[in-house]
Amino acid sequence: MAKKVIGQLKLQVKAGQANPSPPIGPALGQRGINIMEFCKAFNARTQEMELGSPVPCLITYYADKSFTFETKTSPASFMLKKAAGLKPVGKRNRPKGSVKPGHMVAGTVTAAQVKAIAEAKMKDLNANDIQGAINIILGSAKSVGIEVKG
């Protein structure tokens, strides 16, 4: 007999840096999910990824207090900003795109870099082929204010 699903929770956690402090701890604790078990499992699954890169994950929790989670690839905007070489700024210490996308350019990437990002994100994108994935990444680049050369 299948477990009864109580709900799902979407979180974006830095790779290899899950800990029980806010915002992870309260989000999991109020749903009855074992916080330390999740943190250990998440850190183990993301140890191969670049440390500190944001990783979206979907947690499904069940009536018997157990859970499963699925990790996805880092957001396209994060990968584009990294490829463009944008430096972290502000109190959150994250790279920032253009203040006026479409009018001001924050950085540039090559078509080869866009293709590499599209190939890396292919399993998470709603695209049938690599050209569709490239078009999605090009749209993300435009909305962040990153120019694509080539």
Protein backbone atom coordinates (compact mmCIF):
# COMPACT_ATOMS: atom_id res chain seq x y z
CA MET A 1 0.00 0.00 0.00
CA ALA A 2 1.31 3.43 -0.95
CA LYS A 3 2.09 6.06 1.65
CA LYS A 4 -0.42 8.88 2.09
CA VAL A 5 1.03 12.15 0.83
CA ILE A 6 0.32 15.06 3.16
CA GLY A 7 1.89 17.79 1.04
CA GLN A 8 4.81 19.17 -0.90
CA LEU A 9 7.24 21.94 -0.07
CA LYS A 10 9.53 23.86 -2.43
CA LEU A 11 12.79 25.20 -1.02
CA GLN A 12 15.89 26.74 -2.53
CA VAL A 13 18.92 25.75 -0.45
CA LYS A 14 22.62 26.36 -1.04
CA ALA A 15 24.44 23.20 -2.14
CA GLY A 16 26.23 21.49 0.75
CA GLN A 17 25.10 24.13 3.24
CA ALA A 18 21.74 22.90 4.53
CA ASN A 19 21.45 23.45 8.28
CA PRO A 20 18.57 23.55 10.78
CA SER A 21 18.62 27.35 11.14
CA PRO A 22 16.01 29.56 9.47
CA PRO A 23 14.60 29.42 6.86
CA ILE A 24 14.99 25.62 6.51
CA GLY A 25 14.37 24.58 10.12
CA PRO A 26 11.03 26.34 10.68
CA ALA A 27 9.71 25.40 7.23
CA LEU A 28 10.38 21.70 7.84
CA GLY A 29 9.61 21.64 11.58
CA GLN A 30 6.08 22.98 11.30
CA ARG A 31 5.30 20.18 8.86
CA GLY A 32 6.71 17.47 11.14
CA ILE A 33 9.70 16.65 8.94
CA ASN A 34 12.91 15.53 10.67
CA ILE A 35 15.14 18.56 10.09
CA MET A 36 18.53 16.96 10.74
CA GLU A 37 17.70 13.93 8.59
CA PHE A 38 16.83 16.24 5.68
CA CYS A 39 19.96 18.38 6.15
CA LYS A 40 22.26 15.34 6.17
CA ALA A 41 20.56 13.76 3.13
CA PHE A 42 20.53 17.06 1.20
CA ASN A 43 24.19 17.82 1.91
CA ALA A 44 25.16 14.27 0.91
CA ARG A 45 23.24 14.54 -2.38
CA THR A 46 24.65 17.97 -3.25
CA GLN A 47 28.29 17.38 -2.29
CA GLU A 48 29.26 16.96 -5.98
CA MET A 49 27.74 20.35 -6.89
CA GLU A 50 29.52 23.67 -6.53
CA LEU A 51 29.45 24.64 -2.86
CA GLY A 52 27.05 27.50 -2.19
CA SER A 53 25.18 27.42 -5.49
CA PRO A 54 21.39 27.62 -5.00
CA VAL A 55 19.65 24.27 -5.51
CA PRO A 56 15.85 24.14 -5.81
CA CYS A 57 14.35 21.06 -4.19
CA LEU A 58 10.85 19.64 -3.94
CA ILE A 59 10.12 17.84 -0.67
CA THR A 60 7.18 15.45 -0.51
CA TYR A 61 6.14 14.56 3.03
CA TYR A 62 3.91 11.71 4.13
CA ALA A 63 1.50 10.90 6.97
CA ASP A 64 4.04 8.64 8.72
CA LYS A 65 6.41 11.68 9.06
CA SER A 66 8.75 10.37 6.36
CA PHE A 67 9.75 12.40 3.31
CA THR A 68 11.38 12.20 -0.09
CA PHE A 69 13.00 15.04 -1.97
CA GLU A 70 14.08 15.79 -5.50
CA THR A 71 16.87 18.23 -6.31
CA LYS A 72 17.00 20.22 -9.51
CA THR A 73 19.77 22.16 -11.23
CA SER A 74 20.66 25.72 -10.20
CA PRO A 75 18.44 28.47 -11.64
CA ALA A 76 19.29 29.65 -15.16
CA SER A 77 19.73 33.23 -13.94
CA PHE A 78 22.39 32.10 -11.43
CA MET A 79 24.26 30.14 -14.12
CA LEU A 80 24.08 33.07 -16.55
CA LYS A 81 25.36 35.58 -13.99
CA LYS A 82 28.20 33.21 -13.11
CA ALA A 83 29.09 32.71 -16.80
CA ALA A 84 29.03 36.49 -17.34
CA GLY A 85 31.43 36.94 -14.44
CA LEU A 86 29.16 39.23 -12.40
CA LYS A 87 30.50 39.84 -8.91
CA PRO A 88 28.40 39.34 -5.76
CA VAL A 89 27.03 42.58 -4.28
CA GLY A 90 24.67 43.66 -1.52
CA LYS A 91 23.88 42.27 1.90
CA ARG A 92 22.91 38.86 0.50
CA ASN A 93 26.21 38.67 -1.38
CA ARG A 94 24.66 37.52 -4.67
CA PRO A 95 25.48 38.56 -8.24
CA LYS A 96 23.07 41.17 -9.54
CA GLY A 97 21.77 41.56 -13.07
CA SER A 98 20.94 44.78 -14.89
CA VAL A 99 18.89 47.46 -13.17
CA LYS A 100 17.13 48.11 -16.50
CA PRO A 101 17.09 44.89 -18.57
CA GLY A 102 16.78 45.67 -22.27
CA HIS A 103 18.28 49.14 -21.79
CA MET A 104 21.44 48.50 -19.79
CA VAL A 105 23.73 45.49 -20.15
CA ALA A 106 25.05 43.91 -16.94
CA GLY A 107 27.39 41.47 -18.68
CA THR A 108 27.93 39.30 -21.74
CA VAL A 109 28.06 35.59 -22.44
CA THR A 110 28.89 33.66 -25.61
CA ALA A 111 26.53 31.45 -27.57
CA ALA A 112 28.67 28.46 -26.55
CA GLN A 113 28.16 29.30 -22.86
CA VAL A 114 24.39 29.56 -23.43
CA LYS A 115 24.42 26.15 -25.13
CA ALA A 116 26.38 24.63 -22.23
CA ILE A 117 23.88 26.06 -19.71
CA ALA A 118 20.96 24.77 -21.81
CA GLU A 119 22.50 21.28 -21.92
CA ALA A 120 23.04 21.31 -18.14
CA LYS A 121 19.45 22.44 -17.48
CA MET A 122 17.80 20.28 -20.16
CA LYS A 123 16.24 17.80 -17.71
CA ASP A 124 14.56 20.60 -15.72
CA LEU A 125 13.33 22.67 -18.67
CA ASN A 126 10.06 22.21 -20.51
CA ALA A 127 11.77 21.78 -23.89
CA ASN A 128 11.65 18.99 -26.46
CA ASP A 129 15.10 19.56 -27.94
CA ILE A 130 18.30 21.49 -27.32
CA GLN A 131 17.23 24.42 -29.52
CA GLY A 132 14.10 24.90 -27.41
CA ALA A 133 16.22 24.85 -24.25
CA ILE A 134 18.62 27.41 -25.77
CA ASN A 135 15.66 29.70 -26.55
CA ILE A 136 14.49 29.45 -22.92
CA ILE A 137 17.98 30.34 -21.65
CA LEU A 138 18.19 33.24 -24.14
CA GLY A 139 14.91 34.59 -22.71
CA SER A 140 16.32 34.32 -19.19
CA ALA A 141 19.47 36.15 -20.29
CA LYS A 142 17.39 38.96 -21.77
CA SER A 143 15.31 39.32 -18.59
CA VAL A 144 18.46 39.49 -16.41
CA GLY A 145 20.11 42.04 -18.71
CA ILE A 146 22.88 39.84 -20.05
CA GLU A 147 23.88 40.23 -23.70
CA VAL A 148 24.62 37.13 -25.79
CA LYS A 149 27.48 37.43 -28.31
CA GLY A 150 27.81 35.15 -31.31
